[in-house]
Protein backbone atom coordinates (compact mmCIF):
# COMPACT_ATOMS: atom_id res chain seq x y z
CA MET A 1 31.98 12.75 15.13
CA GLU A 2 31.50 9.88 12.69
CA LYS A 3 29.83 10.87 9.42
CA LEU A 4 27.24 8.36 8.24
CA LYS A 5 26.66 7.29 4.66
CA ILE A 6 23.05 8.18 3.95
CA GLY A 7 21.46 6.87 0.77
CA ILE A 8 18.73 8.98 -0.85
CA THR A 9 16.48 7.61 -3.61
CA GLU A 10 15.64 9.86 -6.55
CA GLY A 11 11.89 9.70 -5.97
CA ASN A 12 9.15 9.93 -8.58
CA LYS A 13 9.50 8.17 -11.91
CA ASP A 14 9.31 11.58 -13.62
CA ARG A 15 12.47 12.49 -11.65
CA THR A 16 10.96 15.60 -10.07
CA GLY A 17 12.43 14.36 -6.80
CA TYR A 18 15.68 15.99 -7.90
CA ASN A 19 14.05 19.36 -7.28
CA LEU A 20 13.80 18.44 -3.61
CA ILE A 21 17.20 16.76 -3.30
CA LEU A 22 19.34 19.27 -5.19
CA THR A 23 17.68 22.20 -3.41
CA ALA A 24 18.39 20.60 -0.04
CA PHE A 25 22.10 20.29 -0.83
CA GLU A 26 22.59 23.60 -2.64
CA GLU A 27 24.40 25.08 0.37
CA PRO A 28 27.75 23.42 1.25
CA VAL A 29 26.92 23.52 4.97
CA SER A 30 24.33 20.78 4.37
CA LEU A 31 27.19 18.37 3.62
CA GLU A 32 28.67 18.65 7.12
CA LEU A 33 26.19 16.19 8.65
CA CYS A 34 26.80 13.11 6.55
CA HIS A 35 28.06 11.56 3.31
CA PRO A 36 24.91 11.87 1.14
CA ILE A 37 24.59 9.46 -1.78
CA ILE A 38 21.84 9.95 -4.36
CA TYR A 39 20.72 6.74 -6.06
CA GLY A 40 19.62 7.70 -9.57
CA ASP A 41 20.56 8.82 -13.07
CA LYS A 42 23.30 11.36 -13.77
CA GLU A 43 21.87 12.77 -16.99
CA THR A 44 18.40 13.26 -15.47
CA ALA A 45 19.94 15.02 -12.45
CA ILE A 46 21.91 17.40 -14.71
CA GLN A 47 18.81 18.11 -16.80
CA GLN A 48 16.65 18.81 -13.72
CA ARG A 49 19.38 21.00 -12.21
CA ARG A 50 19.44 23.09 -15.40
CA ILE A 51 15.63 23.35 -15.52
CA MET A 52 15.50 24.49 -11.90
CA ASN A 53 18.44 26.89 -12.36
CA LEU A 54 20.29 25.43 -9.37
CA THR A 55 24.04 25.50 -8.74
CA THR A 56 24.26 22.28 -6.71
CA ASN A 57 27.40 20.34 -7.56
CA PHE A 58 27.75 16.57 -7.34
CA ILE A 59 30.16 13.83 -8.40
CA THR A 60 29.26 10.49 -9.97
CA ILE A 61 30.44 7.31 -8.27
CA ASN A 62 30.18 3.61 -9.07
CA SER A 63 30.38 2.34 -5.47
CA THR A 64 29.71 3.66 -1.98
CA LYS A 65 33.43 3.18 -1.31
CA GLU A 66 34.14 6.14 -3.59
CA VAL A 67 32.37 8.80 -1.48
CA GLN A 68 34.31 11.99 -0.82
CA ASP A 69 33.99 14.13 2.28
CA GLY A 70 32.13 17.36 1.66
CA ARG A 71 30.81 16.27 -1.73
CA LEU A 72 27.33 15.29 -2.82
CA CYS A 73 27.61 11.94 -4.61
CA LEU A 74 25.36 10.28 -7.17
CA LEU A 75 25.56 6.54 -7.63
CA GLN A 76 24.46 5.72 -11.18
CA CYS A 77 21.66 3.10 -11.25
CA LYS A 78 18.36 2.37 -12.97
CA GLU A 79 16.23 1.08 -10.09
CA SER A 80 17.16 3.53 -7.38
CA GLU A 81 15.07 2.18 -4.51
CA GLN A 82 15.97 -1.45 -5.20
CA LYS A 83 19.70 -0.70 -5.39
CA ALA A 84 19.62 1.54 -2.30
CA LYS A 85 17.83 -1.10 -0.22
CA ALA A 86 20.34 -3.72 -1.34
CA ASP A 87 23.24 -1.51 -0.28
CA LEU A 88 21.58 -0.79 3.07
CA LYS A 89 21.07 -4.48 3.69
CA ALA A 90 24.68 -5.20 2.75
CA GLY A 91 25.94 -2.50 5.12
CA ASN A 92 27.33 -0.32 2.31
CA ILE A 93 25.30 2.64 3.64
CA ASP A 94 24.21 3.33 7.20
CA THR A 95 20.70 4.66 6.68
CA LEU A 96 18.26 5.23 3.81
CA VAL A 97 15.93 8.12 2.99
CA ILE A 98 13.20 7.35 0.47
CA THR A 99 12.24 10.50 -1.43
CA PRO A 100 8.42 10.87 -1.67
CA GLN A 101 6.69 9.31 -4.67
CA LYS A 102 3.20 9.78 -6.12
CA GLU A 103 2.06 6.80 -4.04
CA ASP A 104 3.36 6.17 -0.55
CA ALA A 105 5.59 3.12 -0.34
CA PRO A 106 4.01 0.26 1.65
CA CYS A 107 5.42 -0.37 5.11
CA PRO A 108 7.94 -3.25 4.86
CA ASP A 109 6.87 -6.59 6.36
CA GLY A 110 7.73 -6.90 10.03
CA CYS A 111 8.05 -3.13 10.49
CA THR A 112 5.91 -0.57 12.26
CA GLU A 113 5.22 2.65 10.42
CA MET A 114 5.72 5.74 12.57
CA LEU A 115 4.74 9.35 11.85
CA ILE A 116 7.06 11.88 13.48
CA ASN A 117 7.26 15.63 13.78
CA GLU A 118 8.50 18.09 16.40
CA ASP A 119 5.75 17.09 18.87
CA VAL A 120 4.59 13.61 17.89
CA HIS A 121 6.01 10.08 17.73
CA MET A 122 3.03 7.97 16.57
CA ALA A 123 3.01 4.27 15.70
CA LEU A 124 0.43 2.86 13.26
CA VAL A 125 -0.22 -0.79 14.09
CA SER A 126 -2.70 -3.45 12.96
CA LYS A 127 -3.81 -4.12 16.52
CA VAL A 128 -3.25 -2.37 19.84
CA ASP A 129 -2.58 -4.94 22.55
CA LYS A 130 -0.04 -5.67 25.26
CA ASP A 131 2.54 -7.04 22.79
CA SER A 132 2.31 -4.13 20.33
CA VAL A 133 2.52 -1.56 23.12
CA GLU A 134 5.52 -3.31 24.64
CA ALA A 135 7.28 -3.41 21.25
CA PHE A 136 6.54 0.31 20.78
CA ARG A 137 7.95 1.10 24.23
CA LYS A 138 11.23 -0.56 23.28
CA ILE A 139 11.38 1.43 20.04
CA LEU A 140 10.89 4.69 21.93
CA GLU A 141 13.64 3.79 24.40
CA ARG A 142 16.23 2.38 22.00
CA ASP A 143 15.66 4.51 18.87
CA PHE A 144 14.60 7.82 20.43
CA ASP A 145 16.20 7.76 23.89
CA PHE A 146 12.95 8.18 25.82
CA GLN A 147 13.37 6.88 29.37
CA HIS A 148 10.16 5.32 30.81
CA PRO A 149 8.09 6.83 27.99
CA ARG A 150 4.49 7.95 28.49
CA ILE A 151 2.34 6.28 25.83
CA ALA A 152 -1.17 7.25 24.73
CA ILE A 153 -3.54 4.85 22.99
CA LEU A 154 -5.91 6.32 20.41
CA SER A 155 -9.17 4.99 19.04
CA ASN A 156 -11.66 6.44 16.60
CA GLU A 157 -14.49 5.30 18.86
CA ALA A 158 -15.30 6.65 22.30
CA PRO A 159 -14.23 4.15 25.02
CA GLN A 160 -16.98 2.25 26.77
CA GLU A 161 -17.62 2.89 30.45
CA GLY A 162 -14.99 1.16 32.55
CA GLN A 163 -12.71 0.59 29.57
CA THR A 164 -9.17 1.58 30.46
CA ILE A 165 -5.58 0.36 30.24
CA ASP A 166 -4.05 -1.18 33.35
CA ASP A 167 -0.56 0.30 33.13
CA GLU A 168 0.50 -1.37 36.35
CA GLU A 169 -0.20 -4.79 34.88
CA MET A 170 1.71 -3.85 31.75
CA HIS A 171 4.56 -2.31 33.77
CA MET A 172 4.46 0.75 31.50
CA HIS A 173 3.18 4.30 31.58
CA VAL A 174 0.20 3.75 29.26
CA TYR A 175 -2.92 5.88 29.12
CA GLY A 176 -6.19 5.85 27.20
CA PRO A 177 -7.83 5.04 25.00
CA TYR A 178 -8.57 8.55 23.76
CA THR A 179 -10.61 9.48 20.72
CA ILE A 180 -8.44 10.71 17.86
CA LYS A 181 -10.46 13.87 17.23
CA GLU A 182 -10.42 15.16 20.81
CA PHE A 183 -6.86 14.06 21.46
CA PHE A 184 -5.47 16.26 18.68
CA GLU A 185 -7.93 19.11 18.99
CA GLU A 186 -7.13 19.46 22.72
CA GLU A 187 -3.38 19.09 22.01
CA ARG A 188 -3.01 16.23 24.48
CA TYR A 189 -0.15 14.88 22.38
CA MET A 190 2.06 17.49 24.06
CA PHE A 191 1.98 15.41 27.27
CA PHE A 192 3.10 12.08 25.77
CA ASP A 193 6.33 10.66 24.41
CA GLY A 194 4.58 8.19 22.11
CA ILE A 195 1.18 7.53 20.59
CA ILE A 196 -0.10 4.20 19.26
CA THR A 197 -3.23 3.49 17.22
CA SER A 198 -4.71 0.99 14.79
CA ASP A 199 -6.80 3.62 12.97
CA ARG A 200 -4.27 4.42 10.26
CA GLU A 201 -6.47 6.62 8.06
CA LYS A 202 -7.83 8.95 10.77
CA ALA A 203 -4.49 9.16 12.58
CA THR A 204 -2.62 10.02 9.37
CA GLU A 205 -5.15 12.68 8.52
CA ALA A 206 -4.82 14.22 11.99
CA PHE A 207 -1.04 14.11 11.78
CA GLY A 208 -1.06 15.84 8.37
CA ALA A 209 -2.87 18.79 9.92
CA LEU A 210 -0.03 19.09 12.48
CA VAL A 211 2.89 19.19 10.08
CA TYR A 212 3.88 22.82 10.59
CA GLU A 213 7.66 22.55 10.52
CA TYR A 214 8.37 19.03 9.27
CA GLY A 215 6.94 15.53 9.16
CA ILE A 216 8.51 12.20 8.37
CA ARG A 217 7.73 8.49 8.13
CA PHE A 218 10.00 6.08 9.98
CA TYR A 219 9.84 2.33 9.50
CA ALA A 220 10.56 1.01 12.98
CA GLY A 221 11.12 -2.51 14.27
CA SER A 222 13.96 -3.37 11.88
CA GLU A 223 17.72 -3.11 12.26
CA LEU A 224 17.69 -1.30 8.90
CA ILE A 225 17.06 2.43 9.38
CA VAL A 226 14.68 3.83 6.74
CA THR A 227 12.91 7.21 6.80
CA SER A 228 10.90 9.23 4.29
CA PRO A 229 9.58 12.80 4.20
CA PHE A 230 5.84 12.94 4.89
CA LYS A 231 5.52 15.70 2.31
CA SER A 232 7.72 16.81 -0.60
CA GLU A 233 9.40 19.61 1.31
CA VAL A 234 13.07 20.42 1.78
CA THR A 235 12.68 20.81 5.53
CA SER A 236 11.07 17.38 5.83
CA LEU A 237 13.87 15.82 3.71
CA ASN A 238 16.47 17.41 5.98
CA HIS A 239 14.76 16.11 9.10
CA ALA A 240 14.40 12.66 7.55
CA MET A 241 18.22 12.63 7.46
CA TYR A 242 18.56 14.14 10.95
CA ILE A 243 16.24 11.58 12.53
CA ALA A 244 17.84 8.68 10.68
CA THR A 245 21.22 9.85 12.04
CA ASP A 246 19.84 10.23 15.58
CA VAL A 247 18.29 6.75 15.51
CA TYR A 248 21.58 5.24 14.32
CA ARG A 249 23.55 6.88 17.13
CA ASN A 250 20.89 6.26 19.78
CA ARG A 251 20.88 2.55 18.98
CA LYS A 252 24.65 2.36 19.06
CA GLU A 253 24.82 4.01 22.50
CA TYR A 254 21.88 2.00 23.84
CA ASP A 255 23.43 -1.32 22.77
CA GLN A 256 26.93 -0.39 24.01
CA GLN A 257 25.57 0.44 27.46
CA ARG A 258 24.06 -3.04 27.73
CA GLN A 259 26.91 -5.13 26.33
CA ASN A 260 28.60 -5.83 29.67
CA PRO A 261 26.07 -5.41 32.48
CA LEU A 262 27.43 -5.21 36.03
CA PRO A 263 27.11 -8.39 38.09
CA LYS A 264 24.49 -8.50 40.84
CA LEU A 265 25.85 -6.67 43.87
CA PHE A 266 23.34 -7.90 46.42
CA HIS A 267 22.13 -11.23 47.74
CA ASP A 268 18.47 -11.94 47.05
CA LYS A 269 16.99 -13.53 50.17
CA ARG A 270 14.14 -14.92 48.12
CA GLU A 271 16.50 -17.11 46.11
CA GLU A 272 17.95 -18.51 49.34
CA ARG A 273 14.50 -19.30 50.72
CA ASN A 274 13.43 -20.98 47.50
CA SER A 275 16.59 -23.09 47.54
CA ASN A 276 16.01 -24.17 51.18
CA ASN A 277 12.41 -25.10 50.46
CA GLN A 278 13.35 -27.55 47.71
CA VAL A 279 12.99 -31.20 48.68
CA GLU A 280 16.16 -33.19 48.28
């Protein structure tokens, strides 16, 4: 199976992100998934490795072309996130994992921030309407391989009487709106493939209470695949790489299946009637 080049930024300006990264790659088995490339400073990494008493080995490279199979690589640079994003855009790496910083990085323009764990795929949008739900449905299908996904709409306010979503009109399996508090307290998220809401603060707070095993941020809606651990935990960093890899492969398979669609194998009688009804 193809190994992807996954860029990993060094994280906080105080370089404590190396604690997370070097711990994650201390065991050689962690290098079997991908070609990991740390974007950062060699001397700081060595210093932090010594302080943490870790045995993680890495090699220093000057270009992503110099990666070696089974080796953790560090690409020497000053502005790690800027350089990593430039390499991602240029196609020098396949995906990017942004190590958590003291302040969460803003969602890139044109992207939809998603919060993901073992049970939840939740989109945080500025407005929930037909267009945003349709865009979210496509993300769930192409990036996460959900077929005909069931989508729940959340609101921080109780819906008014008669307020509902006409899923037949939208040609999607859409339900709600549900109040955020009751939706998570009653574990209704277990019955949906995706969740969409415009209440970022309340939804993020509820998601944080659910991060038992791991939690990540995923910036959807772009051809560039970028993830980030929701918390500074090794398990979340590992899953940020796993999910980035899954999204890359899901997209590739999804697009390949639709490159050469089969020609229509039946004759549509309606087309014939419409043609006959035209006035010459």
